[in-house]
Structure formats: structure tokens, C-alpha cells
């Protein structure tokens, strides 16, 4: 499966999880809330992280959220990135690593106060990701991504 197809599939899964939405009354809050029965994503965490309008959620919204999860500002940036950039994004996503955890690591482990000024090409990013996040069982990171445990 090509990388763009992979992310399209993830956006569809996110939308599918949102469609499990059920309005329920919470007696403690004395208000109605949405509850979900997701299979793929931690919907509650995503709603809180991305300030999602639960009443109006579409495939376009799901695509936008998936793009944000891997560090893009919008879906069109994700689908138009290079093969290497998409490979890195897929590695982040499929290994359930928050983009914020990645950015914190890069920021904390450089001499530069502005990590945005640091350029790592996608191949180098993937190598760092593999070395620090994937192959290091003694990692100090408490990773908790948006994907549900399989």
C-alpha cells in the first residue's frame, strides 16, 4: 500500500470511529455528552487535543486531523510530500508516537534554542526515530499515542 493510501485509510478509520457517536445524559454533569465505541483511535484524546466539533465531523475533518497528528498543517501538505517525508510520517503514526513527543526530543537534544531552525531531512529523521523511539527499550519517553492498543 502506498503511503498516501495508508493515510487515506487511517482517515476513514477515524471517521468510522466518530460514527460510533451516541448522545447520552450524564447525571453528574446534568448535561448530554457524546460517547464513542471506537475500534481504532482514542477518540476522547483526539477531541481534547484537536478541539473537534463533535456535532459536525466529516471525512475532510478526519483527513485534517490525521495530517496534524504527523506534523503537517493540512491534508494537502501530507499528500504532496516526498516519499521519504511520508515514510517518516507513517513511522510516527504506525508506532503511535505523538508529533509533540518527536518535536520535544529534537528540541531538547540540540544546542539550538529554536528547533524549527534545525534541518533534518526525512531519512535522518527516520534514523533518529528508529534509534531513539523504536529500538531503545530504556527510553525515558512515556509514549501514549492516539491509536488504541491492538
N, C-alpha and C. Protein backbone atom coordinates (compact mmCIF):
# COMPACT_ATOMS: atom_id res chain seq x y z
N UNK A 1 0.86 -1.18 0.00
CA UNK A 1 0.00 0.00 0.00
C UNK A 1 0.90 1.24 0.00
N UNK A 2 0.60 2.17 -0.88
CA UNK A 2 1.42 3.39 -0.91
C UNK A 2 1.09 4.26 0.31
N UNK A 3 1.98 5.18 0.59
CA UNK A 3 1.84 5.99 1.81
C UNK A 3 0.57 6.82 1.83
N UNK A 4 0.23 7.43 0.70
CA UNK A 4 -0.98 8.26 0.67
C UNK A 4 -2.21 7.39 0.92
N UNK A 5 -2.23 6.21 0.32
CA UNK A 5 -3.36 5.28 0.55
C UNK A 5 -3.44 4.89 2.02
N UNK A 6 -2.29 4.70 2.65
CA UNK A 6 -2.25 4.37 4.07
C UNK A 6 -2.93 5.47 4.89
N UNK A 7 -2.58 6.72 4.62
CA UNK A 7 -3.17 7.82 5.39
C UNK A 7 -4.65 8.02 5.05
N UNK A 8 -5.03 7.77 3.81
CA UNK A 8 -6.46 7.82 3.47
C UNK A 8 -7.23 6.77 4.27
N UNK A 9 -6.64 5.60 4.37
CA UNK A 9 -7.28 4.52 5.14
C UNK A 9 -7.41 4.90 6.61
N UNK A 10 -6.38 5.53 7.16
CA UNK A 10 -6.43 5.95 8.56
C UNK A 10 -7.51 7.01 8.79
N UNK A 11 -7.64 7.93 7.85
CA UNK A 11 -8.68 8.97 7.97
C UNK A 11 -10.07 8.32 7.93
N UNK A 12 -10.25 7.32 7.08
CA UNK A 12 -11.54 6.62 7.02
C UNK A 12 -11.81 5.87 8.32
N UNK A 13 -10.78 5.29 8.93
CA UNK A 13 -10.95 4.61 10.20
C UNK A 13 -11.31 5.60 11.31
N UNK A 14 -10.69 6.78 11.27
CA UNK A 14 -11.01 7.81 12.25
C UNK A 14 -12.47 8.23 12.12
N UNK A 15 -12.92 8.44 10.89
CA UNK A 15 -14.32 8.81 10.65
C UNK A 15 -15.25 7.68 11.13
N UNK A 16 -14.87 6.45 10.85
CA UNK A 16 -15.68 5.31 11.28
C UNK A 16 -15.82 5.29 12.80
N UNK A 17 -14.73 5.57 13.50
CA UNK A 17 -14.79 5.63 14.97
C UNK A 17 -15.69 6.77 15.44
N UNK A 18 -15.64 7.89 14.75
CA UNK A 18 -16.52 9.01 15.13
C UNK A 18 -17.98 8.67 14.91
N UNK A 19 -18.24 7.84 13.93
CA UNK A 19 -19.63 7.47 13.64
C UNK A 19 -20.23 6.54 14.69
N UNK A 20 -19.41 6.09 15.65
CA UNK A 20 -19.95 5.30 16.75
C UNK A 20 -20.55 6.21 17.83
N UNK A 21 -20.59 7.47 17.55
CA UNK A 21 -21.06 8.50 18.47
C UNK A 21 -22.49 8.23 18.94
N UNK A 22 -22.68 8.36 20.24
CA UNK A 22 -24.00 8.17 20.84
C UNK A 22 -24.20 9.26 21.89
N UNK A 23 -25.30 9.97 21.80
CA UNK A 23 -25.61 11.02 22.77
C UNK A 23 -26.19 10.38 24.03
N UNK A 24 -25.58 10.68 25.17
CA UNK A 24 -26.04 10.13 26.44
C UNK A 24 -26.13 11.25 27.48
N UNK A 25 -26.98 11.02 28.46
CA UNK A 25 -27.15 12.01 29.52
C UNK A 25 -26.23 11.66 30.68
N UNK A 26 -25.43 12.62 31.11
CA UNK A 26 -24.54 12.44 32.25
C UNK A 26 -25.19 13.11 33.46
N UNK A 27 -25.61 12.30 34.43
CA UNK A 27 -26.31 12.83 35.59
C UNK A 27 -25.42 13.69 36.47
N UNK A 28 -24.15 13.37 36.53
CA UNK A 28 -23.23 14.15 37.36
C UNK A 28 -23.09 15.57 36.80
N UNK A 29 -22.92 15.66 35.48
CA UNK A 29 -22.78 16.97 34.84
C UNK A 29 -24.13 17.61 34.52
N UNK A 30 -25.19 16.80 34.61
CA UNK A 30 -26.54 17.26 34.28
C UNK A 30 -26.57 17.84 32.86
N UNK A 31 -25.97 17.07 31.95
CA UNK A 31 -25.88 17.52 30.56
C UNK A 31 -25.72 16.30 29.66
N UNK A 32 -25.95 16.53 28.39
CA UNK A 32 -25.77 15.48 27.39
C UNK A 32 -24.33 15.51 26.87
N UNK A 33 -23.76 14.32 26.71
CA UNK A 33 -22.40 14.16 26.19
C UNK A 33 -22.40 13.08 25.13
N UNK A 34 -21.40 13.14 24.27
CA UNK A 34 -21.24 12.07 23.30
C UNK A 34 -20.33 11.00 23.87
N UNK A 35 -20.71 9.77 23.65
CA UNK A 35 -19.88 8.63 23.99
C UNK A 35 -19.56 7.89 22.70
N UNK A 36 -18.42 7.21 22.69
CA UNK A 36 -17.96 6.52 21.50
C UNK A 36 -17.58 5.08 21.84
N UNK A 37 -17.66 4.24 20.86
CA UNK A 37 -17.21 2.85 20.95
C UNK A 37 -16.19 2.62 19.83
N UNK A 38 -15.04 3.27 19.92
CA UNK A 38 -14.06 3.21 18.83
C UNK A 38 -13.32 1.87 18.78
N UNK A 39 -12.85 1.55 17.59
CA UNK A 39 -12.04 0.35 17.38
C UNK A 39 -10.57 0.70 17.13
N UNK A 40 -10.34 1.89 16.62
CA UNK A 40 -9.00 2.22 16.14
C UNK A 40 -8.30 3.35 16.89
N UNK A 41 -9.05 4.36 17.30
CA UNK A 41 -8.47 5.58 17.86
C UNK A 41 -9.02 5.90 19.24
N UNK A 42 -8.21 6.59 20.03
CA UNK A 42 -8.64 7.12 21.32
C UNK A 42 -9.36 8.44 21.02
N UNK A 43 -10.63 8.31 20.74
CA UNK A 43 -11.44 9.46 20.29
C UNK A 43 -11.46 10.57 21.34
N UNK A 44 -11.60 10.23 22.59
CA UNK A 44 -11.64 11.27 23.63
C UNK A 44 -10.36 12.09 23.64
N UNK A 45 -9.22 11.43 23.52
CA UNK A 45 -7.93 12.13 23.50
C UNK A 45 -7.82 13.03 22.25
N UNK A 46 -8.29 12.54 21.14
CA UNK A 46 -8.23 13.33 19.90
C UNK A 46 -9.12 14.56 20.01
N UNK A 47 -10.30 14.39 20.56
CA UNK A 47 -11.22 15.52 20.72
C UNK A 47 -10.59 16.61 21.59
N UNK A 48 -9.97 16.19 22.67
CA UNK A 48 -9.33 17.16 23.57
C UNK A 48 -8.10 17.81 22.92
N UNK A 49 -7.31 17.02 22.22
CA UNK A 49 -6.08 17.54 21.63
C UNK A 49 -6.33 18.49 20.46
N UNK A 50 -7.37 18.23 19.71
CA UNK A 50 -7.59 18.99 18.48
C UNK A 50 -8.86 19.83 18.49
N UNK A 51 -9.48 19.97 19.65
CA UNK A 51 -10.65 20.84 19.80
C UNK A 51 -11.66 20.61 18.67
N UNK A 52 -12.14 19.40 18.59
CA UNK A 52 -13.02 18.97 17.49
C UNK A 52 -14.47 19.29 17.80
N UNK A 53 -15.17 19.75 16.78
CA UNK A 53 -16.60 19.95 16.86
C UNK A 53 -17.26 18.58 16.66
N UNK A 54 -17.78 18.02 17.72
CA UNK A 54 -18.35 16.68 17.67
C UNK A 54 -19.66 16.60 16.90
N UNK A 55 -20.30 17.73 16.71
CA UNK A 55 -21.58 17.72 16.00
C UNK A 55 -21.41 17.68 14.50
N UNK A 56 -20.30 18.19 14.03
CA UNK A 56 -20.06 18.23 12.58
C UNK A 56 -18.66 17.67 12.30
N UNK A 57 -18.60 16.39 11.99
CA UNK A 57 -17.31 15.77 11.71
C UNK A 57 -17.44 14.98 10.42
N UNK A 58 -16.59 15.29 9.47
CA UNK A 58 -16.65 14.68 8.14
C UNK A 58 -15.32 14.02 7.79
N UNK A 59 -15.28 13.37 6.64
CA UNK A 59 -14.04 12.76 6.17
C UNK A 59 -12.97 13.83 5.99
N UNK A 60 -13.35 15.00 5.54
CA UNK A 60 -12.38 16.09 5.38
C UNK A 60 -11.78 16.48 6.74
N UNK A 61 -12.60 16.52 7.78
CA UNK A 61 -12.09 16.79 9.13
C UNK A 61 -11.14 15.68 9.58
N UNK A 62 -11.50 14.44 9.31
CA UNK A 62 -10.66 13.31 9.69
C UNK A 62 -9.31 13.38 8.98
N UNK A 63 -9.32 13.72 7.71
CA UNK A 63 -8.06 13.85 6.96
C UNK A 63 -7.19 14.94 7.57
N UNK A 64 -7.81 16.05 7.91
CA UNK A 64 -7.07 17.17 8.51
C UNK A 64 -6.44 16.74 9.84
N UNK A 65 -7.18 16.02 10.66
CA UNK A 65 -6.67 15.57 11.96
C UNK A 65 -5.52 14.59 11.76
N UNK A 66 -5.65 13.66 10.84
CA UNK A 66 -4.58 12.70 10.57
C UNK A 66 -3.32 13.45 10.14
N UNK A 67 -3.46 14.44 9.29
CA UNK A 67 -2.31 15.23 8.85
C UNK A 67 -1.67 15.95 10.05
N UNK A 68 -2.47 16.53 10.92
CA UNK A 68 -1.96 17.22 12.10
C UNK A 68 -1.22 16.26 13.03
N UNK A 69 -1.71 15.04 13.14
CA UNK A 69 -1.09 14.05 14.02
C UNK A 69 0.36 13.76 13.65
N UNK A 70 0.70 13.94 12.39
CA UNK A 70 2.06 13.64 11.95
C UNK A 70 2.83 14.89 11.54
N UNK A 71 2.34 16.04 11.96
CA UNK A 71 3.12 17.26 11.83
C UNK A 71 2.86 18.15 10.64
N UNK A 72 1.84 17.86 9.88
CA UNK A 72 1.50 18.73 8.75
C UNK A 72 0.41 19.70 9.17
N UNK A 73 0.39 20.87 8.54
CA UNK A 73 -0.65 21.84 8.85
C UNK A 73 -1.98 21.49 8.20
N UNK A 74 -1.90 20.80 7.07
CA UNK A 74 -3.13 20.42 6.37
C UNK A 74 -2.92 19.18 5.52
N UNK A 75 -4.03 18.58 5.14
CA UNK A 75 -4.04 17.33 4.39
C UNK A 75 -3.26 17.45 3.08
N UNK A 76 -3.43 18.55 2.38
CA UNK A 76 -2.77 18.71 1.08
C UNK A 76 -1.24 18.69 1.22
N UNK A 77 -0.72 19.18 2.33
CA UNK A 77 0.73 19.11 2.57
C UNK A 77 1.17 17.66 2.74
N UNK A 78 0.37 16.89 3.46
CA UNK A 78 0.71 15.49 3.67
C UNK A 78 0.73 14.75 2.34
N UNK A 79 -0.34 14.82 1.57
CA UNK A 79 -0.43 14.00 0.35
C UNK A 79 0.52 14.46 -0.74
N UNK A 80 1.07 15.66 -0.63
CA UNK A 80 2.01 16.16 -1.64
C UNK A 80 3.46 16.10 -1.19
N UNK A 81 3.71 15.50 -0.03
CA UNK A 81 5.08 15.41 0.46
C UNK A 81 5.86 14.35 -0.33
N UNK A 82 7.16 14.34 -0.12
CA UNK A 82 8.03 13.36 -0.78
C UNK A 82 7.80 11.97 -0.19
N UNK A 83 8.25 10.98 -0.91
CA UNK A 83 8.15 9.60 -0.43
C UNK A 83 8.86 9.44 0.91
N UNK A 84 10.02 10.07 1.06
CA UNK A 84 10.78 9.97 2.30
C UNK A 84 10.05 10.65 3.46
N UNK A 85 9.45 11.82 3.18
CA UNK A 85 8.68 12.51 4.21
C UNK A 85 7.48 11.69 4.66
N UNK A 86 6.80 11.06 3.70
CA UNK A 86 5.65 10.22 4.03
C UNK A 86 6.07 8.96 4.77
N UNK A 87 7.23 8.44 4.44
CA UNK A 87 7.74 7.26 5.14
C UNK A 87 7.97 7.58 6.62
N UNK A 88 8.56 8.75 6.88
CA UNK A 88 8.76 9.19 8.27
C UNK A 88 7.41 9.39 8.96
N UNK A 89 6.48 10.05 8.29
CA UNK A 89 5.15 10.29 8.87
C UNK A 89 4.46 8.98 9.20
N UNK A 90 4.57 8.00 8.31
CA UNK A 90 3.94 6.70 8.57
C UNK A 90 4.60 6.02 9.76
N UNK A 91 5.91 6.14 9.88
CA UNK A 91 6.61 5.54 11.02
C UNK A 91 6.13 6.16 12.33
N UNK A 92 5.96 7.48 12.36
CA UNK A 92 5.42 8.13 13.55
C UNK A 92 4.03 7.58 13.87
N UNK A 93 3.19 7.61 12.86
CA UNK A 93 1.79 7.25 13.03
C UNK A 93 1.63 5.79 13.43
N UNK A 94 2.23 4.89 12.67
CA UNK A 94 2.02 3.46 12.91
C UNK A 94 2.66 2.99 14.22
N UNK A 95 3.64 3.73 14.72
CA UNK A 95 4.24 3.40 16.01
C UNK A 95 3.63 4.19 17.15
N UNK A 96 2.55 4.91 16.85
CA UNK A 96 1.75 5.60 17.87
C UNK A 96 2.57 6.65 18.63
N UNK A 97 3.37 7.41 17.90
CA UNK A 97 4.20 8.43 18.51
C UNK A 97 3.61 9.81 18.20
N UNK A 98 3.33 10.56 19.25
CA UNK A 98 2.82 11.93 19.07
C UNK A 98 3.89 12.78 18.38
N UNK A 99 3.47 13.62 17.50
CA UNK A 99 4.40 14.57 16.86
C UNK A 99 5.02 15.46 17.94
N UNK A 100 4.28 15.74 19.01
CA UNK A 100 4.80 16.58 20.09
C UNK A 100 5.97 15.89 20.81
N UNK A 101 5.89 14.58 20.95
CA UNK A 101 7.00 13.85 21.57
C UNK A 101 8.24 13.92 20.69
N UNK A 102 8.04 13.78 19.40
CA UNK A 102 9.15 13.89 18.46
C UNK A 102 9.77 15.28 18.54
N UNK A 103 8.94 16.31 18.47
CA UNK A 103 9.44 17.68 18.48
C UNK A 103 10.14 18.00 19.81
N UNK A 104 9.61 17.49 20.91
CA UNK A 104 10.26 17.71 22.21
C UNK A 104 11.64 17.08 22.23
N UNK A 105 11.76 15.88 21.70
CA UNK A 105 13.06 15.21 21.67
C UNK A 105 14.06 16.02 20.85
N UNK A 106 13.65 16.46 19.67
CA UNK A 106 14.55 17.23 18.80
C UNK A 106 14.96 18.53 19.49
N UNK A 107 14.00 19.19 20.12
CA UNK A 107 14.28 20.46 20.79
C UNK A 107 15.23 20.27 21.97
N UNK A 108 15.01 19.24 22.76
CA UNK A 108 15.81 19.01 23.96
C UNK A 108 17.22 18.49 23.65
N UNK A 109 17.40 17.91 22.49
CA UNK A 109 18.67 17.27 22.18
C UNK A 109 19.46 18.01 21.12
N UNK A 110 19.29 19.31 21.09
CA UNK A 110 20.07 20.13 20.18
C UNK A 110 20.63 21.32 20.95
N UNK A 111 21.64 21.94 20.39
CA UNK A 111 22.22 23.13 21.00
C UNK A 111 21.42 24.38 20.65
N UNK A 112 20.55 24.26 19.69
CA UNK A 112 19.80 25.39 19.19
C UNK A 112 18.53 25.56 20.02
N UNK A 113 18.24 26.78 20.45
CA UNK A 113 17.04 27.03 21.23
C UNK A 113 15.78 26.97 20.38
N UNK A 114 15.92 27.08 19.10
CA UNK A 114 14.77 27.07 18.19
C UNK A 114 14.88 25.86 17.29
N UNK A 115 14.20 24.78 17.67
CA UNK A 115 14.34 23.55 16.90
C UNK A 115 13.83 23.72 15.48
N UNK A 116 12.96 24.72 15.24
CA UNK A 116 12.46 24.95 13.90
C UNK A 116 13.60 25.28 12.93
N UNK A 117 14.70 25.81 13.47
CA UNK A 117 15.84 26.18 12.64
C UNK A 117 16.72 24.97 12.29
N UNK A 118 16.45 23.86 12.92
CA UNK A 118 17.26 22.67 12.69
C UNK A 118 16.67 21.91 11.52
N UNK A 119 17.52 21.55 10.59
CA UNK A 119 17.04 20.82 9.44
C UNK A 119 17.52 19.38 9.50
N UNK A 120 16.59 18.48 9.61
CA UNK A 120 16.86 17.06 9.46
C UNK A 120 16.07 16.61 8.25
N UNK A 121 16.74 16.02 7.28
CA UNK A 121 15.97 15.52 6.14
C UNK A 121 15.18 14.30 6.60
N UNK A 122 14.16 13.91 5.86
CA UNK A 122 13.30 12.81 6.29
C UNK A 122 14.06 11.51 6.57
N UNK A 123 15.09 11.22 5.80
CA UNK A 123 15.86 10.00 6.05
C UNK A 123 16.56 10.05 7.40
N UNK A 124 17.13 11.22 7.75
CA UNK A 124 17.77 11.37 9.06
C UNK A 124 16.74 11.31 10.19
N UNK A 125 15.58 11.91 9.95
CA UNK A 125 14.51 11.85 10.96
C UNK A 125 14.13 10.40 11.23
N UNK A 126 14.02 9.61 10.17
CA UNK A 126 13.64 8.21 10.32
C UNK A 126 14.70 7.44 11.09
N UNK A 127 15.95 7.72 10.84
CA UNK A 127 17.03 7.05 11.57
C UNK A 127 17.01 7.42 13.05
N UNK A 128 16.81 8.69 13.35
CA UNK A 128 16.72 9.12 14.75
C UNK A 128 15.51 8.47 15.41
N UNK A 129 14.39 8.47 14.71
CA UNK A 129 13.17 7.86 15.24
C UNK A 129 13.40 6.39 15.58
N UNK A 130 14.02 5.66 14.67
CA UNK A 130 14.29 4.24 14.90
C UNK A 130 15.23 4.06 16.09
N UNK A 131 16.28 4.85 16.14
CA UNK A 131 17.28 4.71 17.20
C UNK A 131 16.74 5.09 18.58
N UNK A 132 16.04 6.21 18.66
CA UNK A 132 15.61 6.74 19.96
C UNK A 132 14.28 6.16 20.42
N UNK A 133 13.30 6.10 19.54
CA UNK A 133 11.96 5.73 19.95
C UNK A 133 11.64 4.25 19.75
N UNK A 134 12.18 3.65 18.72
CA UNK A 134 11.76 2.29 18.39
C UNK A 134 12.72 1.21 18.88
N UNK A 135 14.01 1.48 18.89
CA UNK A 135 14.98 0.45 19.27
C UNK A 135 15.51 0.62 20.68
N UNK A 136 15.03 1.60 21.41
CA UNK A 136 15.58 1.88 22.73
C UNK A 136 14.58 1.45 23.80
N UNK A 137 14.77 0.27 24.35
CA UNK A 137 13.84 -0.23 25.36
C UNK A 137 13.98 0.53 26.68
N UNK A 138 15.07 1.25 26.85
CA UNK A 138 15.27 2.03 28.08
C UNK A 138 14.89 3.49 27.88
N UNK A 139 14.04 3.75 26.93
CA UNK A 139 13.67 5.13 26.62
C UNK A 139 13.00 5.79 27.82
N UNK A 140 13.29 7.08 28.00
CA UNK A 140 12.67 7.84 29.08
C UNK A 140 11.32 8.42 28.67
N UNK A 141 10.86 8.09 27.49
CA UNK A 141 9.60 8.63 27.00
C UNK A 141 8.44 7.74 27.42
N UNK A 142 7.41 8.38 27.94
CA UNK A 142 6.17 7.69 28.25
C UNK A 142 5.24 7.95 27.08
N UNK A 143 5.36 7.13 26.06
CA UNK A 143 4.62 7.37 24.83
C UNK A 143 3.18 6.90 24.97
N UNK A 144 2.30 7.74 24.55
CA UNK A 144 0.88 7.42 24.53
C UNK A 144 0.28 8.11 23.32
N UNK A 145 0.12 7.37 22.27
CA UNK A 145 -0.37 7.95 21.03
C UNK A 145 -1.88 7.96 20.97
N UNK A 146 -2.37 8.21 19.79
CA UNK A 146 -3.81 8.30 19.58
C UNK A 146 -4.43 6.99 19.15
N UNK A 147 -3.60 6.01 18.81
CA UNK A 147 -4.15 4.72 18.39
C UNK A 147 -4.46 3.85 19.59
N UNK A 148 -5.53 3.10 19.49
CA UNK A 148 -5.86 2.15 20.55
C UNK A 148 -4.91 0.97 20.45
N UNK A 149 -4.63 0.35 21.56
CA UNK A 149 -3.78 -0.84 21.55
C UNK A 149 -4.46 -1.95 20.77
N UNK A 150 -3.66 -2.63 19.99
CA UNK A 150 -4.23 -3.70 19.15
C UNK A 150 -4.35 -4.98 19.93
